[in-house]
Amino acid sequence: MDCHNRPAHIFQSPNDAVNIAMALGQLDTTLPFIKKVAVQALTQPYATETEAMQKIATALHAKYSGDPRYHKAIDQVQKIYRIATTFSPR
């Protein structure tokens, strides 16, 4: 049973959410392979939100640690994760 009598929440795939963030300038498209790295980080299984936040940061840090722009990318990918898990059925 849903909380509505018709679909009301729009669920975006990680791929679509990253595409939107890139189109809106929320993810820096000049970071090499940012889409691939972000989608991979978003699609891993996480037991808790805390674990997800830590592992997303670790994944992006491992790829972009020499680039000061990666901090904003971490924040944005974590935000995408939070939004996705807030509205997705569990």
PDB file of N, CA and C in Angstrom:
ATOM      1  N   MET A   1       0.846  -1.170   0.000  1.00  0.00           N
ATOM      2  CA  MET A   1       0.000   0.000   0.000  1.00  0.00           C
ATOM      3  C   MET A   1       0.892   1.235   0.000  1.00  0.00           C
ATOM      4  N   ASP A   2       0.488   2.196  -0.734  1.00  0.00           N
ATOM      5  CA  ASP A   2       1.222   3.448  -0.862  1.00  0.00           C
ATOM      6  C   ASP A   2       0.572   4.484   0.056  1.00  0.00           C
ATOM      7  N   CYS A   3       1.227   5.607   0.215  1.00  0.00           N
ATOM      8  CA  CYS A   3       0.650   6.671   1.033  1.00  0.00           C
ATOM      9  C   CYS A   3      -0.310   7.532   0.220  1.00  0.00           C
ATOM     10  N   HIS A   4      -0.512   7.202  -1.041  1.00  0.00           N
ATOM     11  CA  HIS A   4      -1.405   7.946  -1.931  1.00  0.00           C
ATOM     12  C   HIS A   4      -2.247   6.962  -2.731  1.00  0.00           C
ATOM     13  N   ASN A   5      -3.331   7.456  -3.292  1.00  0.00           N
ATOM     14  CA  ASN A   5      -4.135   6.585  -4.143  1.00  0.00           C
ATOM     15  C   ASN A   5      -3.668   6.627  -5.595  1.00  0.00           C
ATOM     16  N   ARG A   6      -2.608   7.360  -5.853  1.00  0.00           N
ATOM     17  CA  ARG A   6      -1.970   7.398  -7.170  1.00  0.00           C
ATOM     18  C   ARG A   6      -0.507   7.805  -6.967  1.00  0.00           C
ATOM     19  N   PRO A   7       0.340   7.536  -7.934  1.00  0.00           N
ATOM     20  CA  PRO A   7       1.754   7.914  -7.772  1.00  0.00           C
ATOM     21  C   PRO A   7       1.896   9.414  -7.550  1.00  0.00           C
ATOM     22  N   ALA A   8       2.646   9.771  -6.539  1.00  0.00           N
ATOM     23  CA  ALA A   8       2.808  11.187  -6.224  1.00  0.00           C
ATOM     24  C   ALA A   8       4.267  11.616  -6.126  1.00  0.00           C
ATOM     25  N   HIS A   9       5.128  10.688  -5.830  1.00  0.00           N
ATOM     26  CA  HIS A   9       6.547  11.017  -5.717  1.00  0.00           C
ATOM     27  C   HIS A   9       7.261  10.589  -6.982  1.00  0.00           C
ATOM     28  N   ILE A  10       8.115  11.451  -7.472  1.00  0.00           N
ATOM     29  CA  ILE A  10       8.906  11.124  -8.651  1.00  0.00           C
ATOM     30  C   ILE A  10      10.249  10.600  -8.166  1.00  0.00           C
ATOM     31  N   PHE A  11      10.560   9.368  -8.538  1.00  0.00           N
ATOM     32  CA  PHE A  11      11.815   8.758  -8.140  1.00  0.00           C
ATOM     33  C   PHE A  11      12.778   8.826  -9.305  1.00  0.00           C
ATOM     34  N   GLN A  12      13.910   9.473  -9.078  1.00  0.00           N
ATOM     35  CA  GLN A  12      14.918   9.577 -10.124  1.00  0.00           C
ATOM     36  C   GLN A  12      15.975   8.504  -9.901  1.00  0.00           C
ATOM     37  N   SER A  13      16.422   7.946 -10.980  1.00  0.00           N
ATOM     38  CA  SER A  13      17.539   7.011 -10.881  1.00  0.00           C
ATOM     39  C   SER A  13      18.789   7.820 -10.542  1.00  0.00           C
ATOM     40  N   PRO A  14      19.810   7.177  -9.980  1.00  0.00           N
ATOM     41  CA  PRO A  14      21.065   7.900  -9.734  1.00  0.00           C
ATOM     42  C   PRO A  14      21.601   8.549 -11.001  1.00  0.00           C
ATOM     43  N   ASN A  15      21.496   7.849 -12.119  1.00  0.00           N
ATOM     44  CA  ASN A  15      21.962   8.390 -13.392  1.00  0.00           C
ATOM     45  C   ASN A  15      21.221   9.683 -13.743  1.00  0.00           C
ATOM     46  N   ASP A  16      19.896   9.669 -13.621  1.00  0.00           N
ATOM     47  CA  ASP A  16      19.104  10.860 -13.937  1.00  0.00           C
ATOM     48  C   ASP A  16      19.387  11.995 -12.966  1.00  0.00           C
ATOM     49  N   ALA A  17      19.513  11.679 -11.685  1.00  0.00           N
ATOM     50  CA  ALA A  17      19.787  12.712 -10.683  1.00  0.00           C
ATOM     51  C   ALA A  17      21.140  13.380 -10.934  1.00  0.00           C
ATOM     52  N   VAL A  18      22.131  12.591 -11.315  1.00  0.00           N
ATOM     53  CA  VAL A  18      23.458  13.153 -11.619  1.00  0.00           C
ATOM     54  C   VAL A  18      23.384  13.996 -12.893  1.00  0.00           C
ATOM     55  N   ASN A  19      22.665  13.521 -13.899  1.00  0.00           N
ATOM     56  CA  ASN A  19      22.499  14.312 -15.129  1.00  0.00           C
ATOM     57  C   ASN A  19      21.877  15.669 -14.829  1.00  0.00           C
ATOM     58  N   ILE A  20      20.859  15.690 -13.997  1.00  0.00           N
ATOM     59  CA  ILE A  20      20.191  16.950 -13.649  1.00  0.00           C
ATOM     60  C   ILE A  20      21.145  17.866 -12.895  1.00  0.00           C
ATOM     61  N   ALA A  21      21.859  17.308 -11.929  1.00  0.00           N
ATOM     62  CA  ALA A  21      22.818  18.118 -11.168  1.00  0.00           C
ATOM     63  C   ALA A  21      23.894  18.708 -12.079  1.00  0.00           C
ATOM     64  N   MET A  22      24.330  17.936 -13.049  1.00  0.00           N
ATOM     65  CA  MET A  22      25.328  18.438 -14.000  1.00  0.00           C
ATOM     66  C   MET A  22      24.723  19.537 -14.873  1.00  0.00           C
ATOM     67  N   ALA A  23      23.512  19.331 -15.351  1.00  0.00           N
ATOM     68  CA  ALA A  23      22.858  20.320 -16.215  1.00  0.00           C
ATOM     69  C   ALA A  23      22.606  21.632 -15.477  1.00  0.00           C
ATOM     70  N   LEU A  24      22.345  21.539 -14.182  1.00  0.00           N
ATOM     71  CA  LEU A  24      22.084  22.736 -13.379  1.00  0.00           C
ATOM     72  C   LEU A  24      23.364  23.393 -12.860  1.00  0.00           C
ATOM     73  N   GLY A  25      24.503  22.798 -13.166  1.00  0.00           N
ATOM     74  CA  GLY A  25      25.768  23.361 -12.715  1.00  0.00           C
ATOM     75  C   GLY A  25      26.089  23.048 -11.264  1.00  0.00           C
ATOM     76  N   GLN A  26      25.373  22.087 -10.679  1.00  0.00           N
ATOM     77  CA  GLN A  26      25.608  21.721  -9.283  1.00  0.00           C
ATOM     78  C   GLN A  26      26.778  20.753  -9.148  1.00  0.00           C
ATOM     79  N   LEU A  27      27.073  20.029 -10.215  1.00  0.00           N
ATOM     80  CA  LEU A  27      28.251  19.171 -10.266  1.00  0.00           C
ATOM     81  C   LEU A  27      29.156  19.703 -11.366  1.00  0.00           C
ATOM     82  N   ASP A  28      30.398  19.880 -11.043  1.00  0.00           N
ATOM     83  CA  ASP A  28      31.368  20.441 -11.975  1.00  0.00           C
ATOM     84  C   ASP A  28      31.690  19.431 -13.075  1.00  0.00           C
ATOM     85  N   THR A  29      31.223  19.703 -14.257  1.00  0.00           N
ATOM     86  CA  THR A  29      31.409  18.772 -15.382  1.00  0.00           C
ATOM     87  C   THR A  29      32.845  18.740 -15.893  1.00  0.00           C
ATOM     88  N   THR A  30      33.697  19.616 -15.401  1.00  0.00           N
ATOM     89  CA  THR A  30      35.097  19.579 -15.819  1.00  0.00           C
ATOM     90  C   THR A  30      35.923  18.604 -14.979  1.00  0.00           C
ATOM     91  N   LEU A  31      35.332  18.064 -13.893  1.00  0.00           N
ATOM     92  CA  LEU A  31      36.016  17.018 -13.141  1.00  0.00           C
ATOM     93  C   LEU A  31      35.992  15.747 -13.998  1.00  0.00           C
ATOM     94  N   PRO A  32      37.129  15.152 -14.260  1.00  0.00           N
ATOM     95  CA  PRO A  32      37.160  13.975 -15.132  1.00  0.00           C
ATOM     96  C   PRO A  32      36.284  12.834 -14.593  1.00  0.00           C
ATOM     97  N   PHE A  33      35.438  12.312 -15.457  1.00  0.00           N
ATOM     98  CA  PHE A  33      34.589  11.158 -15.147  1.00  0.00           C
ATOM     99  C   PHE A  33      33.662  11.376 -13.956  1.00  0.00           C
ATOM    100  N   ILE A  34      33.258  12.623 -13.685  1.00  0.00           N
ATOM    101  CA  ILE A  34      32.430  12.890 -12.508  1.00  0.00           C
ATOM    102  C   ILE A  34      31.117  12.125 -12.549  1.00  0.00           C
ATOM    103  N   LYS A  35      30.526  11.990 -13.723  1.00  0.00           N
ATOM    104  CA  LYS A  35      29.256  11.264 -13.793  1.00  0.00           C
ATOM    105  C   LYS A  35      29.452   9.810 -13.385  1.00  0.00           C
ATOM    106  N   LYS A  36      30.438   9.162 -13.954  1.00  0.00           N
ATOM    107  CA  LYS A  36      30.697   7.749 -13.653  1.00  0.00           C
ATOM    108  C   LYS A  36      31.000   7.557 -12.167  1.00  0.00           C
ATOM    109  N   VAL A  37      31.855   8.401 -11.624  1.00  0.00           N
ATOM    110  CA  VAL A  37      32.252   8.285 -10.220  1.00  0.00           C
ATOM    111  C   VAL A  37      31.050   8.536  -9.306  1.00  0.00           C
ATOM    112  N   ALA A  38      30.257   9.553  -9.614  1.00  0.00           N
ATOM    113  CA  ALA A  38      29.093   9.882  -8.784  1.00  0.00           C
ATOM    114  C   ALA A  38      28.046   8.769  -8.826  1.00  0.00           C
ATOM    115  N   VAL A  39      27.742   8.272 -10.010  1.00  0.00           N
ATOM    116  CA  VAL A  39      26.735   7.211 -10.136  1.00  0.00           C
ATOM    117  C   VAL A  39      27.221   5.950  -9.422  1.00  0.00           C
ATOM    118  N   GLN A  40      28.494   5.614  -9.557  1.00  0.00           N
ATOM    119  CA  GLN A  40      29.025   4.438  -8.850  1.00  0.00           C
ATOM    120  C   GLN A  40      28.889   4.612  -7.346  1.00  0.00           C
ATOM    121  N   ALA A  41      29.198   5.789  -6.843  1.00  0.00           N
ATOM    122  CA  ALA A  41      29.096   6.036  -5.406  1.00  0.00           C
ATOM    123  C   ALA A  41      27.643   5.966  -4.932  1.00  0.00           C
ATOM    124  N   LEU A  42      26.725   6.430  -5.755  1.00  0.00           N
ATOM    125  CA  LEU A  42      25.305   6.436  -5.383  1.00  0.00           C
ATOM    126  C   LEU A  42      24.658   5.059  -5.443  1.00  0.00           C
ATOM    127  N   THR A  43      25.206   4.158  -6.208  1.00  0.00           N
ATOM    128  CA  THR A  43      24.559   2.863  -6.408  1.00  0.00           C
ATOM    129  C   THR A  43      25.142   1.743  -5.550  1.00  0.00           C
ATOM    130  N   GLN A  44      26.062   2.068  -4.679  1.00  0.00           N
ATOM    131  CA  GLN A  44      26.604   1.058  -3.772  1.00  0.00           C
ATOM    132  C   GLN A  44      25.603   0.777  -2.653  1.00  0.00           C
ATOM    133  N   PRO A  45      25.597  -0.444  -2.131  1.00  0.00           N
ATOM    134  CA  PRO A  45      24.708  -0.725  -0.995  1.00  0.00           C
ATOM    135  C   PRO A  45      25.303  -0.167   0.295  1.00  0.00           C
ATOM    136  N   TYR A  46      24.505   0.558   1.030  1.00  0.00           N
ATOM    137  CA  TYR A  46      24.927   1.130   2.306  1.00  0.00           C
ATOM    138  C   TYR A  46      23.941   0.705   3.386  1.00  0.00           C
ATOM    139  N   ALA A  47      24.453   0.376   4.565  1.00  0.00           N
ATOM    140  CA  ALA A  47      23.596  -0.059   5.664  1.00  0.00           C
ATOM    141  C   ALA A  47      22.911   1.130   6.338  1.00  0.00           C
ATOM    142  N   THR A  48      23.603   2.253   6.398  1.00  0.00           N
ATOM    143  CA  THR A  48      23.051   3.436   7.067  1.00  0.00           C
ATOM    144  C   THR A  48      23.390   4.682   6.258  1.00  0.00           C
ATOM    145  N   GLU A  49      22.709   5.765   6.577  1.00  0.00           N
ATOM    146  CA  GLU A  49      23.025   7.029   5.905  1.00  0.00           C
ATOM    147  C   GLU A  49      24.423   7.499   6.291  1.00  0.00           C
ATOM    148  N   THR A  50      24.804   7.293   7.519  1.00  0.00           N
ATOM    149  CA  THR A  50      26.145   7.686   7.965  1.00  0.00           C
ATOM    150  C   THR A  50      27.211   6.962   7.157  1.00  0.00           C
ATOM    151  N   GLU A  51      27.029   5.662   6.972  1.00  0.00           N
ATOM    152  CA  GLU A  51      27.973   4.900   6.162  1.00  0.00           C
ATOM    153  C   GLU A  51      28.005   5.429   4.729  1.00  0.00           C
ATOM    154  N   ALA A  52      26.838   5.728   4.177  1.00  0.00           N
ATOM    155  CA  ALA A  52      26.767   6.250   2.809  1.00  0.00           C
ATOM    156  C   ALA A  52      27.525   7.568   2.690  1.00  0.00           C
ATOM    157  N   MET A  53      27.322   8.480   3.625  1.00  0.00           N
ATOM    158  CA  MET A  53      27.995   9.783   3.560  1.00  0.00           C
ATOM    159  C   MET A  53      29.512   9.607   3.608  1.00  0.00           C
ATOM    160  N   GLN A  54      29.972   8.714   4.482  1.00  0.00           N
ATOM    161  CA  GLN A  54      31.412   8.483   4.607  1.00  0.00           C
ATOM    162  C   GLN A  54      31.990   7.844   3.347  1.00  0.00           C
ATOM    163  N   LYS A  55      31.301   6.849   2.817  1.00  0.00           N
ATOM    164  CA  LYS A  55      31.843   6.137   1.660  1.00  0.00           C
ATOM    165  C   LYS A  55      31.736   6.947   0.372  1.00  0.00           C
ATOM    166  N   ILE A  56      30.727   7.780   0.257  1.00  0.00           N
ATOM    167  CA  ILE A  56      30.639   8.689  -0.891  1.00  0.00           C
ATOM    168  C   ILE A  56      31.819   9.658  -0.847  1.00  0.00           C
ATOM    169  N   ALA A  57      32.067  10.222   0.328  1.00  0.00           N
ATOM    170  CA  ALA A  57      33.202  11.147   0.473  1.00  0.00           C
ATOM    171  C   ALA A  57      34.517  10.443   0.170  1.00  0.00           C
ATOM    172  N   THR A  58      34.673   9.226   0.653  1.00  0.00           N
ATOM    173  CA  THR A  58      35.898   8.463   0.420  1.00  0.00           C
ATOM    174  C   THR A  58      36.105   8.176  -1.066  1.00  0.00           C
ATOM    175  N   ALA A  59      35.033   7.783  -1.747  1.00  0.00           N
ATOM    176  CA  ALA A  59      35.135   7.464  -3.180  1.00  0.00           C
ATOM    177  C   ALA A  59      35.550   8.686  -3.992  1.00  0.00           C
ATOM    178  N   LEU A  60      34.929   9.825  -3.719  1.00  0.00           N
ATOM    179  CA  LEU A  60      35.267  11.027  -4.473  1.00  0.00           C
ATOM    180  C   LEU A  60      36.641  11.561  -4.078  1.00  0.00           C
ATOM    181  N   HIS A  61      36.986  11.438  -2.815  1.00  0.00           N
ATOM    182  CA  HIS A  61      38.309  11.872  -2.356  1.00  0.00           C
ATOM    183  C   HIS A  61      39.405  11.043  -3.036  1.00  0.00           C
ATOM    184  N   ALA A  62      39.166   9.737  -3.140  1.00  0.00           N
ATOM    185  CA  ALA A  62      40.158   8.861  -3.771  1.00  0.00           C
ATOM    186  C   ALA A  62      40.396   9.243  -5.228  1.00  0.00           C
ATOM    187  N   LYS A  63      39.358   9.677  -5.906  1.00  0.00           N
ATOM    188  CA  LYS A  63      39.474  10.012  -7.329  1.00  0.00           C
ATOM    189  C   LYS A  63      40.016  11.427  -7.554  1.00  0.00           C
ATOM    190  N   TYR A  64      39.613  12.380  -6.693  1.00  0.00           N
ATOM    191  CA  TYR A  64      39.885  13.798  -6.979  1.00  0.00           C
ATOM    192  C   TYR A  64      40.673  14.529  -5.889  1.00  0.00           C
ATOM    193  N   SER A  65      41.373  13.836  -5.029  1.00  0.00           N
ATOM    194  CA  SER A  65      42.001  14.491  -3.878  1.00  0.00           C
ATOM    195  C   SER A  65      42.973  15.608  -4.247  1.00  0.00           C
ATOM    196  N   GLY A  66      43.532  15.583  -5.430  1.00  0.00           N
ATOM    197  CA  GLY A  66      44.451  16.636  -5.834  1.00  0.00           C
ATOM    198  C   GLY A  66      43.755  17.863  -6.394  1.00  0.00           C
ATOM    199  N   ASP A  67      42.443  17.814  -6.494  1.00  0.00           N
ATOM    200  CA  ASP A  67      41.681  18.892  -7.114  1.00  0.00           C
ATOM    201  C   ASP A  67      40.790  19.559  -6.061  1.00  0.00           C
ATOM    202  N   PRO A  68      40.990  20.843  -5.789  1.00  0.00           N
ATOM    203  CA  PRO A  68      40.209  21.501  -4.732  1.00  0.00           C
ATOM    204  C   PRO A  68      38.701  21.572  -5.013  1.00  0.00           C
ATOM    205  N   ARG A  69      38.286  21.331  -6.237  1.00  0.00           N
ATOM    206  CA  ARG A  69      36.855  21.407  -6.570  1.00  0.00           C
ATOM    207  C   ARG A  69      36.078  20.194  -6.079  1.00  0.00           C
ATOM    208  N   TYR A  70      36.776  19.158  -5.635  1.00  0.00           N
ATOM    209  CA  TYR A  70      36.071  17.925  -5.299  1.00  0.00           C
ATOM    210  C   TYR A  70      35.217  18.040  -4.040  1.00  0.00           C
ATOM    211  N   HIS A  71      35.521  18.985  -3.163  1.00  0.00           N
ATOM    212  CA  HIS A  71      34.711  19.148  -1.946  1.00  0.00           C
ATOM    213  C   HIS A  71      33.258  19.475  -2.287  1.00  0.00           C
ATOM    214  N   LYS A  72      33.053  20.351  -3.238  1.00  0.00           N
ATOM    215  CA  LYS A  72      31.697  20.689  -3.657  1.00  0.00           C
ATOM    216  C   LYS A  72      31.018  19.478  -4.296  1.00  0.00           C
ATOM    217  N   ALA A  73      31.769  18.688  -5.044  1.00  0.00           N
ATOM    218  CA  ALA A  73      31.205  17.488  -5.664  1.00  0.00           C
ATOM    219  C   ALA A  73      30.759  16.495  -4.595  1.00  0.00           C
ATOM    220  N   ILE A  74      31.550  16.330  -3.549  1.00  0.00           N
ATOM    221  CA  ILE A  74      31.168  15.439  -2.456  1.00  0.00           C
ATOM    222  C   ILE A  74      29.855  15.909  -1.843  1.00  0.00           C
ATOM    223  N   ASP A  75      29.770  17.186  -1.544  1.00  0.00           N
ATOM    224  CA  ASP A  75      28.546  17.728  -0.951  1.00  0.00           C
ATOM    225  C   ASP A  75      27.334  17.469  -1.831  1.00  0.00           C
ATOM    226  N   GLN A  76      27.482  17.664  -3.126  1.00  0.00           N
ATOM    227  CA  GLN A  76      26.356  17.502  -4.041  1.00  0.00           C
ATOM    228  C   GLN A  76      25.945  16.038  -4.179  1.00  0.00           C
ATOM    229  N   VAL A  77      26.900  15.141  -4.289  1.00  0.00           N
ATOM    230  CA  VAL A  77      26.565  13.718  -4.422  1.00  0.00           C
ATOM    231  C   VAL A  77      25.907  13.223  -3.127  1.00  0.00           C
ATOM    232  N   GLN A  78      26.387  13.681  -1.990  1.00  0.00           N
ATOM    233  CA  GLN A  78      25.742  13.323  -0.723  1.00  0.00           C
ATOM    234  C   GLN A  78      24.313  13.878  -0.666  1.00  0.00           C
ATOM    235  N   LYS A  79      24.111  15.070  -1.160  1.00  0.00           N
ATOM    236  CA  LYS A  79      22.771  15.655  -1.196  1.00  0.00           C
ATOM    237  C   LYS A  79      21.842  14.816  -2.087  1.00  0.00           C
ATOM    238  N   ILE A  80      22.336  14.408  -3.234  1.00  0.00           N
ATOM    239  CA  ILE A  80      21.535  13.549  -4.125  1.00  0.00           C
ATOM    240  C   ILE A  80      21.153  12.269  -3.390  1.00  0.00           C
ATOM    241  N   TYR A  81      22.083  11.675  -2.683  1.00  0.00           N
ATOM    242  CA  TYR A  81      21.799  10.451  -1.939  1.00  0.00           C
ATOM    243  C   TYR A  81      20.718  10.691  -0.888  1.00  0.00           C
ATOM    244  N   ARG A  82      20.861  11.773  -0.132  1.00  0.00           N
ATOM    245  CA  ARG A  82      19.872  12.073   0.916  1.00  0.00           C
ATOM    246  C   ARG A  82      18.477  12.260   0.331  1.00  0.00           C
ATOM    247  N   ILE A  83      18.391  12.989  -0.760  1.00  0.00           N
ATOM    248  CA  ILE A  83      17.088  13.220  -1.397  1.00  0.00           C
ATOM    249  C   ILE A  83      16.513  11.901  -1.894  1.00  0.00           C
ATOM    250  N   ALA A  84      17.335  11.096  -2.525  1.00  0.00           N
ATOM    251  CA  ALA A  84      16.856   9.824  -3.063  1.00  0.00           C
ATOM    252  C   ALA A  84      16.355   8.895  -1.961  1.00  0.00           C
ATOM    253  N   THR A  85      17.056   8.847  -0.836  1.00  0.00           N
ATOM    254  CA  THR A  85      16.642   7.943   0.227  1.00  0.00           C
ATOM    255  C   THR A  85      15.491   8.495   1.048  1.00  0.00           C
ATOM    256  N   THR A  86      15.282   9.807   1.004  1.00  0.00           N
ATOM    257  CA  THR A  86      14.163  10.402   1.718  1.00  0.00           C
ATOM    258  C   THR A  86      12.848  10.018   1.060  1.00  0.00           C
ATOM    259  N   PHE A  87      12.827   9.978  -0.260  1.00  0.00           N
ATOM    260  CA  PHE A  87      11.591   9.756  -0.987  1.00  0.00           C
ATOM    261  C   PHE A  87      11.420   8.359  -1.550  1.00  0.00           C
ATOM    262  N   SER A  88      12.427   7.527  -1.449  1.00  0.00           N
ATOM    263  CA  SER A  88      12.280   6.200  -2.042  1.00  0.00           C
ATOM    264  C   SER A  88      11.650   5.240  -1.028  1.00  0.00           C
ATOM    265  N   PRO A  89      10.881   4.294  -1.537  1.00  0.00           N
ATOM    266  CA  PRO A  89      10.283   3.315  -0.630  1.00  0.00           C
ATOM    267  C   PRO A  89      11.353   2.403  -0.055  1.00  0.00           C
ATOM    268  N   ARG A  90      11.198   2.021   1.174  1.00  0.00           N
ATOM    269  CA  ARG A  90      12.189   1.160   1.836  1.00  0.00           C
ATOM    270  C   ARG A  90      11.608  -0.183   2.107  1.00  0.00           C
TER     271      ARG A  90
END
